[in-house]
Amino acid sequence: MKGYDEMEVKSKRLRSGYKIHILCVIFLAVFLLLPINSDAARIKELGYIDGVRPNQLIGYGLVIGLNGTGDKANTIFTTQSLANMLEKMGIRVDPNATKVKNVAAVMVTANLPPFSKIGTMIDVTVSSIGDATSLTGGVLLMTPLKGADGEVYAVAQGPLVVGGFSAGGAGATMQKNHPTAGRIPNGATIEREIGYEFLKTESIIISLKNPDFTTARRIEERINSVYADTSHAKDGGTIHVKVPDHMKENTVRFLSVIENMDVKPDMLAKIVVDEKTGTIVIGENVRISTVAISQGNISVMIKEDQKVSQPMPFAPPSAQTVVTPDTKIRAEEDKGKLFVVEGDVTIRELVNALNAVGVSTREMISILQTIKAAGALHAELEII
């Protein structure tokens, strides 16, 4: 009887495992059949948290080591800056007597990322402000980078990477890209941090990059579906979110959950036309009322010939050769193709209808402008 009981237990385990396997297969199949909202975007792509932003830094410095392509002698601020730098090192020179072609005055700019710590390296951009012809091969001397408040937040120094060159002789020159601007990867070291006090507050503010009332409402509803009664849309571009009591000690985790929520943004019905390149971009919400469209072309061909009339043999001396122009003009007009666009068509139906007629991109631009003038295009038409 003992062996029989063990066999019965094993049989029950096998049946239980088989049922669990079947349930897993069914769950996977149902999950794969669920519709996926491909138009949804994360909240971090639709907006940003107020207070979390980069800060601009700027500084004035000198680039040395140039091969005769630096500022000319009449660039007063370059020679004055060089003299001041040498004086700090114990060398006194007369700025008016300084003639150095291997030095260029530059402005150094950088972006201080949020939450940057002391010692972090950031990229900087170096741009000439004098009459230097090239910064290729130059080295930036130690340059303090200041913020809008006048405080120094980083110090930049290092060799430049220039993405262009300039070469020439007495008669011609050749230039590629801009040799008077370059970058220094990891060329600045952060020396001062910026505090973010909003992490200690009881609420945060989400500002939309493209303000829209519908999108703001959808974000409010999406957040409230996870954290009930915490989100409130103040207007079309601002959503106030209250930090739940159990998340106040872990605001970073709360913000991570919020910014990764998927929301389908609402789009304005809009058509953008670039007449210079013939590019047309049509939004998905564009609608057109019932209209009849006819597009036809007129082609004119002009052919010029010259007919020469010479005097007959034994003609009097006064007879002359006469040249008369012979112009032939032919005009052809394509037969107009009239087709009807039914009301409330989608963007796919509109494109299919225009493609069926065989219109070119230029003709399509003209058709869209005409439909808009007729009041049948329910969208904003922007021409850039």
Protein backbone atom coordinates (compact mmCIF):
# COMPACT_ATOMS: atom_id res chain seq x y z
CA MET A 1 0.00 0.00 0.00
CA LYS A 2 2.90 2.31 0.65
CA GLY A 3 4.17 2.03 -2.92
CA TYR A 4 0.69 2.67 -4.24
CA ASP A 5 0.40 5.86 -2.19
CA GLU A 6 3.75 7.15 -3.50
CA MET A 7 2.65 6.52 -7.09
CA GLU A 8 -0.59 8.37 -6.45
CA VAL A 9 1.29 11.38 -5.05
CA LYS A 10 3.62 11.44 -8.06
CA SER A 11 0.65 11.24 -10.42
CA LYS A 12 -1.02 14.21 -8.72
CA ARG A 13 2.21 16.23 -8.99
CA LEU A 14 2.49 15.47 -12.68
CA ARG A 15 -1.12 16.52 -13.30
CA SER A 16 -0.58 19.72 -11.30
CA GLY A 17 2.59 20.57 -13.22
CA TYR A 18 0.82 19.88 -16.53
CA LYS A 19 -2.03 22.25 -15.57
CA ILE A 20 0.45 24.99 -14.63
CA HIS A 21 2.24 24.53 -17.96
CA ILE A 22 -1.06 24.84 -19.86
CA LEU A 23 -1.98 28.01 -17.92
CA CYS A 24 1.41 29.57 -18.74
CA VAL A 25 0.93 28.83 -22.44
CA ILE A 26 -2.58 30.34 -22.41
CA PHE A 27 -1.36 33.44 -20.55
CA LEU A 28 1.48 33.94 -23.04
CA ALA A 29 -0.88 33.58 -25.99
CA VAL A 30 -3.34 36.10 -24.54
CA PHE A 31 -0.48 38.53 -23.82
CA LEU A 32 0.80 38.32 -27.39
CA LEU A 33 -2.69 38.95 -28.76
CA LEU A 34 -3.20 42.09 -26.68
CA PRO A 35 -3.08 45.33 -28.72
CA ILE A 36 0.11 47.33 -28.27
CA ASN A 37 -0.20 51.11 -28.22
CA SER A 38 2.66 52.03 -30.53
CA ASP A 39 1.74 55.72 -30.46
CA ALA A 40 2.34 56.04 -26.72
CA ALA A 41 5.37 57.86 -25.36
CA ARG A 42 6.89 58.04 -21.94
CA ILE A 43 6.20 61.07 -19.78
CA LYS A 44 9.95 61.82 -19.76
CA GLU A 45 9.73 62.38 -23.55
CA LEU A 46 6.62 64.56 -23.26
CA GLY A 47 7.77 66.86 -20.47
CA TYR A 48 10.42 67.58 -17.89
CA ILE A 49 10.54 68.02 -14.14
CA ASP A 50 10.76 71.66 -13.14
CA GLY A 51 14.20 72.39 -11.75
CA VAL A 52 15.95 69.54 -13.55
CA ARG A 53 17.76 71.28 -16.40
CA PRO A 54 21.29 72.04 -17.58
CA ASN A 55 22.94 75.38 -16.88
CA GLN A 56 25.02 77.32 -19.40
CA LEU A 57 28.62 78.21 -18.60
CA ILE A 58 30.91 80.66 -20.40
CA GLY A 59 34.49 81.82 -20.11
CA TYR A 60 37.20 83.81 -21.89
CA GLY A 61 40.56 82.22 -22.61
CA LEU A 62 43.59 81.93 -24.84
CA VAL A 63 44.55 79.22 -27.32
CA ILE A 64 48.27 78.81 -27.89
CA GLY A 65 50.43 76.65 -30.13
CA LEU A 66 48.96 77.78 -33.44
CA ASN A 67 51.10 77.60 -36.56
CA GLY A 68 50.95 81.28 -37.48
CA THR A 69 47.16 81.22 -37.79
CA GLY A 70 46.38 83.17 -34.61
CA ASP A 71 45.16 86.73 -34.10
CA LYS A 72 46.94 89.58 -35.84
CA ALA A 73 48.92 92.29 -34.07
CA ASN A 74 46.05 94.79 -34.25
CA THR A 75 43.81 92.54 -32.10
CA ILE A 76 44.27 94.54 -28.92
CA PHE A 77 42.42 92.29 -26.46
CA THR A 78 44.56 89.26 -27.42
CA THR A 79 47.87 91.01 -26.81
CA GLN A 80 46.52 92.58 -23.60
CA SER A 81 45.32 89.19 -22.32
CA LEU A 82 48.67 87.60 -23.14
CA ALA A 83 50.51 90.38 -21.30
CA ASN A 84 48.25 90.01 -18.24
CA MET A 85 48.79 86.25 -18.13
CA LEU A 86 52.56 86.61 -18.36
CA GLU A 87 52.55 89.27 -15.65
CA LYS A 88 50.83 86.86 -13.25
CA MET A 89 53.73 84.49 -13.89
CA GLY A 90 56.29 87.16 -13.08
CA ILE A 91 57.05 88.29 -16.65
CA ARG A 92 56.25 91.90 -17.53
CA VAL A 93 55.90 92.79 -21.21
CA ASP A 94 54.53 95.75 -23.15
CA PRO A 95 51.23 94.76 -24.87
CA ASN A 96 51.85 97.25 -27.66
CA ALA A 97 55.18 95.65 -28.47
CA THR A 98 53.81 92.10 -28.50
CA LYS A 99 53.45 90.50 -31.93
CA VAL A 100 52.49 86.86 -31.61
CA LYS A 101 50.73 84.95 -34.39
CA ASN A 102 50.47 81.69 -32.49
CA VAL A 103 47.90 82.91 -29.93
CA ALA A 104 44.14 83.42 -30.37
CA ALA A 105 41.50 84.81 -28.03
CA VAL A 106 38.50 82.51 -27.68
CA MET A 107 35.20 82.15 -25.89
CA VAL A 108 34.65 78.82 -24.15
CA THR A 109 31.10 77.54 -23.61
CA ALA A 110 29.70 74.42 -21.94
CA ASN A 111 26.53 72.97 -20.45
CA LEU A 112 26.54 71.94 -16.80
CA PRO A 113 24.32 68.83 -16.62
CA PRO A 114 21.89 68.43 -13.72
CA PHE A 115 23.12 66.50 -10.67
CA SER A 116 26.76 66.92 -11.77
CA LYS A 117 29.28 66.28 -9.01
CA ILE A 118 32.65 67.86 -8.29
CA GLY A 119 35.32 66.22 -10.42
CA THR A 120 33.00 65.24 -13.26
CA MET A 121 34.39 65.94 -16.75
CA ILE A 122 32.25 67.71 -19.38
CA ASP A 123 32.80 68.72 -23.01
CA VAL A 124 33.48 72.33 -23.98
CA THR A 125 33.22 74.30 -27.22
CA VAL A 126 35.96 76.78 -28.14
CA SER A 127 35.26 79.60 -30.65
CA SER A 128 37.56 82.32 -31.91
CA ILE A 129 36.51 85.93 -31.30
CA GLY A 130 39.44 87.61 -33.06
CA ASP A 131 40.76 87.40 -36.61
CA ALA A 132 42.51 84.04 -36.30
CA THR A 133 42.27 81.94 -39.44
CA SER A 134 42.46 78.50 -37.79
CA LEU A 135 42.57 76.92 -34.34
CA THR A 136 43.97 73.62 -35.62
CA GLY A 137 46.66 72.23 -33.34
CA GLY A 138 45.94 74.73 -30.56
CA VAL A 139 45.85 74.14 -26.83
CA LEU A 140 43.44 75.98 -24.54
CA LEU A 141 45.01 77.43 -21.42
CA MET A 142 43.25 77.13 -18.05
CA THR A 143 39.97 78.99 -18.41
CA PRO A 144 37.40 79.48 -15.58
CA LEU A 145 33.82 78.89 -16.69
CA LYS A 146 31.18 80.98 -14.96
CA GLY A 147 27.42 80.73 -14.64
CA ALA A 148 24.81 83.46 -14.89
CA ASP A 149 25.42 84.32 -11.22
CA GLY A 150 29.10 85.06 -11.87
CA GLU A 151 30.37 82.08 -9.86
CA VAL A 152 32.98 79.70 -11.28
CA TYR A 153 31.52 76.21 -11.75
CA ALA A 154 34.17 74.56 -13.94
CA VAL A 155 37.70 74.99 -15.28
CA ALA A 156 38.61 74.09 -18.87
CA GLN A 157 41.97 73.27 -20.41
CA GLY A 158 43.38 70.96 -23.07
CA PRO A 159 44.10 70.39 -26.78
CA LEU A 160 41.42 71.24 -29.33
CA VAL A 161 39.74 68.94 -31.82
CA VAL A 162 38.87 70.97 -34.92
CA GLY A 163 36.63 69.42 -37.57
CA GLY A 164 37.84 71.60 -40.45
CA PHE A 165 40.93 72.92 -42.13
CA SER A 166 42.04 75.85 -44.24
CA ALA A 167 44.88 75.90 -46.76
CA GLY A 168 45.89 78.17 -49.60
CA GLY A 169 48.48 80.19 -51.38
CA ALA A 170 48.83 83.58 -52.99
CA GLY A 171 46.16 82.96 -55.61
CA ALA A 172 43.61 80.62 -54.05
CA THR A 173 42.50 79.13 -50.75
CA MET A 174 40.49 76.07 -49.78
CA GLN A 175 38.48 75.60 -46.61
CA LYS A 176 36.41 72.75 -45.20
CA ASN A 177 33.92 73.27 -42.39
CA HIS A 178 34.86 75.89 -39.78
CA PRO A 179 38.50 75.84 -38.64
CA THR A 180 37.92 78.67 -36.15
CA ALA A 181 35.77 76.59 -33.80
CA GLY A 182 36.50 73.30 -32.07
CA ARG A 183 35.71 71.09 -29.10
CA ILE A 184 37.60 69.58 -26.19
CA PRO A 185 36.05 66.25 -25.14
CA ASN A 186 36.06 66.03 -21.33
CA GLY A 187 37.92 69.33 -21.41
CA ALA A 188 36.44 70.89 -18.26
CA THR A 189 36.35 69.72 -14.65
CA ILE A 190 33.38 70.67 -12.47
CA GLU A 191 34.47 72.56 -9.38
CA ARG A 192 31.09 73.55 -7.89
CA GLU A 193 27.79 71.66 -7.59
CA ILE A 194 24.24 72.95 -7.91
CA GLY A 195 21.80 71.81 -5.25
CA TYR A 196 18.31 70.61 -6.16
CA GLU A 197 15.97 71.33 -3.27
CA PHE A 198 12.86 70.13 -5.13
CA LEU A 199 13.67 66.52 -4.16
CA LYS A 200 12.83 67.43 -0.56
CA THR A 201 9.46 69.03 -1.36
CA GLU A 202 6.04 67.41 -1.03
CA SER A 203 5.08 67.98 -4.69
CA ILE A 204 6.68 68.22 -8.10
CA ILE A 205 5.72 70.01 -11.31
CA ILE A 206 5.80 68.42 -14.77
CA SER A 207 6.02 70.93 -17.64
CA LEU A 208 5.05 69.73 -21.11
CA LYS A 209 7.41 70.39 -24.01
CA ASN A 210 4.39 70.87 -26.32
CA PRO A 211 1.54 72.23 -24.18
CA ASP A 212 -1.82 70.64 -24.94
CA PHE A 213 -4.92 70.31 -22.76
CA THR A 214 -5.73 66.78 -23.93
CA THR A 215 -2.21 65.53 -23.34
CA ALA A 216 -2.14 67.17 -19.90
CA ARG A 217 -5.44 65.47 -18.99
CA ARG A 218 -4.17 62.08 -20.16
CA ILE A 219 -1.02 62.44 -18.06
CA GLU A 220 -3.12 63.41 -15.05
CA GLU A 221 -5.35 60.35 -15.49
CA ARG A 222 -2.39 58.04 -16.07
CA ILE A 223 -0.63 59.10 -12.88
CA ASN A 224 -3.84 58.92 -10.85
CA SER A 225 -4.44 55.37 -12.09
CA VAL A 226 -1.28 54.31 -10.22
CA TYR A 227 -1.17 56.86 -7.40
CA ALA A 228 -4.75 57.85 -6.68
CA ASP A 229 -5.57 61.53 -6.18
CA THR A 230 -1.97 62.72 -6.50
CA SER A 231 -2.00 64.43 -9.92
CA HIS A 232 -3.75 67.60 -11.03
CA ALA A 233 -3.42 69.40 -14.38
CA LYS A 234 -3.21 73.11 -13.63
CA ASP A 235 -3.30 74.13 -17.30
CA GLY A 236 -2.41 72.77 -20.72
CA GLY A 237 1.30 72.74 -19.99
CA THR A 238 1.64 72.10 -16.25
CA ILE A 239 0.79 69.06 -14.10
CA HIS A 240 1.18 69.18 -10.33
CA VAL A 241 1.97 65.85 -8.71
CA LYS A 242 1.83 65.29 -4.94
CA VAL A 243 4.37 62.88 -3.54
CA PRO A 244 2.55 60.08 -1.63
CA ASP A 245 3.36 59.75 2.05
CA HIS A 246 4.98 56.33 1.62
CA MET A 247 7.24 57.75 -1.16
CA LYS A 248 8.50 60.91 0.56
CA GLU A 249 11.60 59.11 1.78
CA ASN A 250 12.32 57.76 -1.71
CA THR A 251 11.49 60.58 -4.14
CA VAL A 252 13.92 59.28 -6.75
CA ARG A 253 12.01 55.99 -7.05
CA PHE A 254 8.71 57.88 -7.28
CA LEU A 255 10.02 60.11 -10.10
CA SER A 256 11.43 57.08 -11.92
CA VAL A 257 8.00 55.43 -11.91
CA ILE A 258 6.29 58.63 -13.05
CA GLU A 259 8.62 59.43 -15.96
CA ASN A 260 8.41 55.88 -17.37
CA MET A 261 4.59 55.84 -17.59
CA ASP A 262 3.26 55.54 -21.16
CA VAL A 263 0.84 58.21 -22.40
CA LYS A 264 -0.48 58.76 -25.92
CA PRO A 265 0.02 62.45 -26.73
CA ASP A 266 -2.60 64.33 -28.69
CA MET A 267 -1.49 65.94 -31.93
CA LEU A 268 -2.70 69.10 -33.62
CA ALA A 269 -4.15 68.60 -37.10
CA LYS A 270 -1.37 70.16 -39.12
CA ILE A 271 0.28 70.01 -42.54
CA VAL A 272 3.81 71.36 -42.94
CA VAL A 273 5.02 72.17 -46.46
CA ASP A 274 8.61 73.03 -47.39
CA GLU A 275 8.35 74.54 -50.88
CA LYS A 276 12.12 74.81 -51.24
CA THR A 277 12.65 71.05 -51.10
CA GLY A 278 9.13 69.87 -51.99
CA THR A 279 8.70 68.09 -48.63
CA ILE A 280 5.20 67.52 -47.23
CA VAL A 281 4.48 66.22 -43.71
CA ILE A 282 0.81 65.53 -42.85
CA GLY A 283 -0.41 64.80 -39.32
CA GLU A 284 -2.71 61.86 -38.58
CA ASN A 285 -5.63 64.04 -37.39
CA VAL A 286 -6.03 65.92 -40.69
CA ARG A 287 -9.57 65.73 -42.09
CA ILE A 288 -11.02 67.00 -45.38
CA SER A 289 -14.63 67.71 -46.28
CA THR A 290 -16.15 66.41 -49.51
CA VAL A 291 -14.49 68.16 -52.45
CA ALA A 292 -13.99 67.58 -56.18
CA ILE A 293 -10.45 68.15 -57.45
CA SER A 294 -9.23 68.58 -61.02
CA GLN A 295 -5.58 68.99 -61.86
CA GLY A 296 -4.39 69.77 -65.38
CA ASN A 297 -1.24 71.07 -67.04
CA ILE A 298 -0.63 73.24 -70.07
CA SER A 299 2.56 72.71 -72.08
CA VAL A 300 3.71 75.22 -74.71
CA MET A 301 6.34 74.37 -77.34
CA ILE A 302 8.04 77.12 -79.38
CA LYS A 303 10.29 76.30 -82.33
CA GLU A 304 12.35 78.96 -84.09
CA ASP A 305 13.65 78.55 -87.69
CA GLN A 306 15.36 80.92 -90.12
CA LYS A 307 14.33 81.05 -93.80
CA VAL A 308 16.87 82.49 -96.26
CA SER A 309 15.73 84.06 -99.54
CA GLN A 310 18.56 84.63 -102.05
CA PRO A 311 18.38 86.66 -105.32
CA MET A 312 17.76 84.76 -108.52
CA PRO A 313 20.54 84.42 -111.14
CA PHE A 314 21.10 87.56 -113.26
CA ALA A 315 19.20 89.63 -110.64
CA PRO A 316 19.90 93.36 -110.56
CA PRO A 317 22.75 94.56 -108.28
CA SER A 318 20.23 96.04 -105.84
CA ALA A 319 18.87 92.59 -104.99
CA GLN A 320 19.86 91.37 -101.50
CA THR A 321 19.64 88.18 -99.46
CA VAL A 322 16.73 88.31 -97.03
CA VAL A 323 16.55 86.26 -93.79
CA THR A 324 13.07 85.85 -92.33
CA PRO A 325 12.29 84.13 -88.98
CA ASP A 326 9.84 81.23 -88.95
CA THR A 327 8.22 80.66 -85.54
CA LYS A 328 6.03 77.66 -84.79
CA ILE A 329 4.00 77.59 -81.58
CA ARG A 330 2.07 74.60 -80.29
CA ALA A 331 0.11 74.48 -77.05
CA GLU A 332 -1.16 71.30 -75.48
CA GLU A 333 -3.35 70.96 -72.43
CA ASP A 334 -3.75 67.76 -70.52
CA LYS A 335 -7.27 66.53 -70.05
CA GLY A 336 -8.49 67.46 -66.63
CA LYS A 337 -8.96 64.53 -64.26
CA LEU A 338 -11.77 65.24 -61.85
CA PHE A 339 -11.96 63.03 -58.79
CA VAL A 340 -14.02 63.29 -55.62
CA VAL A 341 -12.61 63.14 -52.13
CA GLU A 342 -15.32 62.03 -49.75
CA GLY A 343 -15.83 63.85 -46.49
CA ASP A 344 -13.98 62.96 -43.28
CA VAL A 345 -11.27 60.99 -45.03
CA THR A 346 -8.18 59.80 -43.18
CA ILE A 347 -4.64 60.73 -44.06
CA ARG A 348 -4.09 57.32 -45.68
CA GLU A 349 -7.16 57.77 -47.91
CA LEU A 350 -6.05 61.28 -48.90
CA VAL A 351 -2.57 60.10 -49.89
CA ASN A 352 -3.96 57.14 -51.82
CA ALA A 353 -6.37 59.41 -53.70
CA LEU A 354 -3.65 61.90 -54.69
CA ASN A 355 -1.27 59.12 -55.69
CA ALA A 356 -3.98 57.52 -57.82
CA VAL A 357 -4.25 60.70 -59.89
CA GLY A 358 -0.48 60.69 -60.40
CA VAL A 359 0.19 64.22 -59.19
CA SER A 360 3.74 65.35 -58.47
CA THR A 361 4.91 66.78 -55.18
CA ARG A 362 4.69 70.36 -56.49
CA GLU A 363 1.16 69.73 -57.74
CA MET A 364 0.23 68.20 -54.39
CA ILE A 365 1.37 71.37 -52.61
CA SER A 366 -0.80 73.45 -54.92
CA ILE A 367 -3.78 71.13 -54.34
CA LEU A 368 -3.44 71.36 -50.56
CA GLN A 369 -3.26 75.16 -50.70
CA THR A 370 -6.35 75.28 -52.91
CA ILE A 371 -8.31 72.92 -50.63
CA LYS A 372 -7.37 75.11 -47.67
CA ALA A 373 -8.54 78.23 -49.55
CA ALA A 374 -11.85 76.49 -50.28
CA GLY A 375 -12.38 75.88 -46.56
CA ALA A 376 -12.47 72.10 -46.93
CA LEU A 377 -9.14 71.38 -45.20
CA HIS A 378 -9.68 71.13 -41.45
CA ALA A 379 -6.08 71.51 -40.41
CA GLU A 380 -3.41 74.13 -40.02
CA LEU A 381 -1.35 74.55 -43.19
CA GLU A 382 2.15 75.82 -42.41
CA ILE A 383 4.51 76.72 -45.26
CA ILE A 384 8.18 77.05 -44.33
